[in-house]
Amino acid sequence: MERLQRIRELLERQGHQAGDAVLALFSLHGFHPDVLRAAGLRDDLVLVDLAALYGDAPVLGGT
């Protein structure tokens, strides 16, 4: 997540309009509780696990 934030910042500095970009994290085995907590607090972060990818569960985050 922090790496994606940094990339977005670098893109903005280069003149790209990346400020509204949503950060998406994908996982086959779930997410660490800290990442789940962050997704619940941020509107620019979504978490997609295997169940969400196949439509069996909702995508988390993006509140």
C-alpha atoms as a PDB file:
ATOM      1  CA  MET A   1       0.000   0.000   0.000  1.00  0.00           C
ATOM      2  CA  GLU A   2       2.765   2.424   0.896  1.00  0.00           C
ATOM      3  CA  ARG A   3       4.598   1.586  -2.305  1.00  0.00           C
ATOM      4  CA  LEU A   4       1.499   2.305  -4.381  1.00  0.00           C
ATOM      5  CA  GLN A   5       1.044   5.625  -2.569  1.00  0.00           C
ATOM      6  CA  ARG A   6       4.634   6.539  -3.383  1.00  0.00           C
ATOM      7  CA  ILE A   7       4.177   5.653  -7.050  1.00  0.00           C
ATOM      8  CA  ARG A   8       1.054   7.815  -7.211  1.00  0.00           C
ATOM      9  CA  GLU A   9       2.971  10.720  -5.668  1.00  0.00           C
ATOM     10  CA  LEU A  10       5.806  10.303  -8.175  1.00  0.00           C
ATOM     11  CA  LEU A  11       3.361  10.260 -11.070  1.00  0.00           C
ATOM     12  CA  GLU A  12       1.770  13.480  -9.817  1.00  0.00           C
ATOM     13  CA  ARG A  13       5.179  15.144  -9.587  1.00  0.00           C
ATOM     14  CA  GLN A  14       5.805  14.191 -13.212  1.00  0.00           C
ATOM     15  CA  GLY A  15       2.635  15.998 -14.248  1.00  0.00           C
ATOM     16  CA  HIS A  16       0.238  13.065 -14.474  1.00  0.00           C
ATOM     17  CA  GLN A  17      -3.236  13.442 -12.994  1.00  0.00           C
ATOM     18  CA  ALA A  18      -2.990  10.594 -10.518  1.00  0.00           C
ATOM     19  CA  GLY A  19      -4.374  12.310  -7.433  1.00  0.00           C
ATOM     20  CA  ASP A  20      -7.791  10.659  -7.779  1.00  0.00           C
ATOM     21  CA  ALA A  21      -6.382   7.217  -8.571  1.00  0.00           C
ATOM     22  CA  VAL A  22      -7.740   4.396  -6.444  1.00  0.00           C
ATOM     23  CA  LEU A  23      -5.152   2.023  -4.999  1.00  0.00           C
ATOM     24  CA  ALA A  24      -6.135  -1.614  -5.474  1.00  0.00           C
ATOM     25  CA  LEU A  25      -4.537  -4.517  -3.649  1.00  0.00           C
ATOM     26  CA  PHE A  26      -5.186  -8.100  -4.711  1.00  0.00           C
ATOM     27  CA  SER A  27      -4.617 -11.220  -2.625  1.00  0.00           C
ATOM     28  CA  LEU A  28      -5.147 -14.937  -2.924  1.00  0.00           C
ATOM     29  CA  HIS A  29      -4.953 -15.524   0.823  1.00  0.00           C
ATOM     30  CA  GLY A  30      -6.562 -12.500   2.468  1.00  0.00           C
ATOM     31  CA  PHE A  31      -5.135  -9.354   4.000  1.00  0.00           C
ATOM     32  CA  HIS A  32      -3.324  -8.428   7.191  1.00  0.00           C
ATOM     33  CA  PRO A  33      -5.641  -6.857   9.806  1.00  0.00           C
ATOM     34  CA  ASP A  34      -3.814  -3.510   9.492  1.00  0.00           C
ATOM     35  CA  VAL A  35      -4.553  -3.395   5.770  1.00  0.00           C
ATOM     36  CA  LEU A  36      -8.201  -4.294   6.381  1.00  0.00           C
ATOM     37  CA  ARG A  37      -8.436  -1.500   8.940  1.00  0.00           C
ATOM     38  CA  ALA A  38      -6.855   1.003   6.537  1.00  0.00           C
ATOM     39  CA  ALA A  39      -9.278   0.031   3.776  1.00  0.00           C
ATOM     40  CA  GLY A  40     -12.178   0.750   6.101  1.00  0.00           C
ATOM     41  CA  LEU A  41     -10.897   4.267   6.738  1.00  0.00           C
ATOM     42  CA  ARG A  42      -9.812   5.310   3.252  1.00  0.00           C
ATOM     43  CA  ASP A  43     -11.852   6.027   0.151  1.00  0.00           C
ATOM     44  CA  ASP A  44      -8.850   5.592  -2.156  1.00  0.00           C
ATOM     45  CA  LEU A  45      -8.060   1.973  -1.279  1.00  0.00           C
ATOM     46  CA  VAL A  46      -9.852  -1.207  -2.330  1.00  0.00           C
ATOM     47  CA  LEU A  47      -8.993  -4.772  -1.422  1.00  0.00           C
ATOM     48  CA  VAL A  48      -9.836  -7.620  -3.761  1.00  0.00           C
ATOM     49  CA  ASP A  49      -9.445 -11.167  -2.516  1.00  0.00           C
ATOM     50  CA  LEU A  50     -10.105 -14.321  -4.496  1.00  0.00           C
ATOM     51  CA  ALA A  51     -13.762 -14.492  -3.459  1.00  0.00           C
ATOM     52  CA  ALA A  52     -14.357 -10.887  -4.538  1.00  0.00           C
ATOM     53  CA  LEU A  53     -12.561 -11.498  -7.827  1.00  0.00           C
ATOM     54  CA  TYR A  54     -14.983 -14.314  -8.637  1.00  0.00           C
ATOM     55  CA  GLY A  55     -18.020 -12.359  -7.454  1.00  0.00           C
ATOM     56  CA  ASP A  56     -18.646 -14.436  -4.333  1.00  0.00           C
ATOM     57  CA  ALA A  57     -17.874 -11.607  -1.886  1.00  0.00           C
ATOM     58  CA  PRO A  58     -17.773  -7.816  -1.997  1.00  0.00           C
ATOM     59  CA  VAL A  59     -14.675  -5.782  -2.709  1.00  0.00           C
ATOM     60  CA  LEU A  60     -13.524  -4.203   0.559  1.00  0.00           C
ATOM     61  CA  GLY A  61     -12.719  -0.537   1.072  1.00  0.00           C
ATOM     62  CA  GLY A  62     -13.457   2.424  -1.114  1.00  0.00           C
ATOM     63  CA  THR A  63     -15.791   3.893   1.494  1.00  0.00           C
END
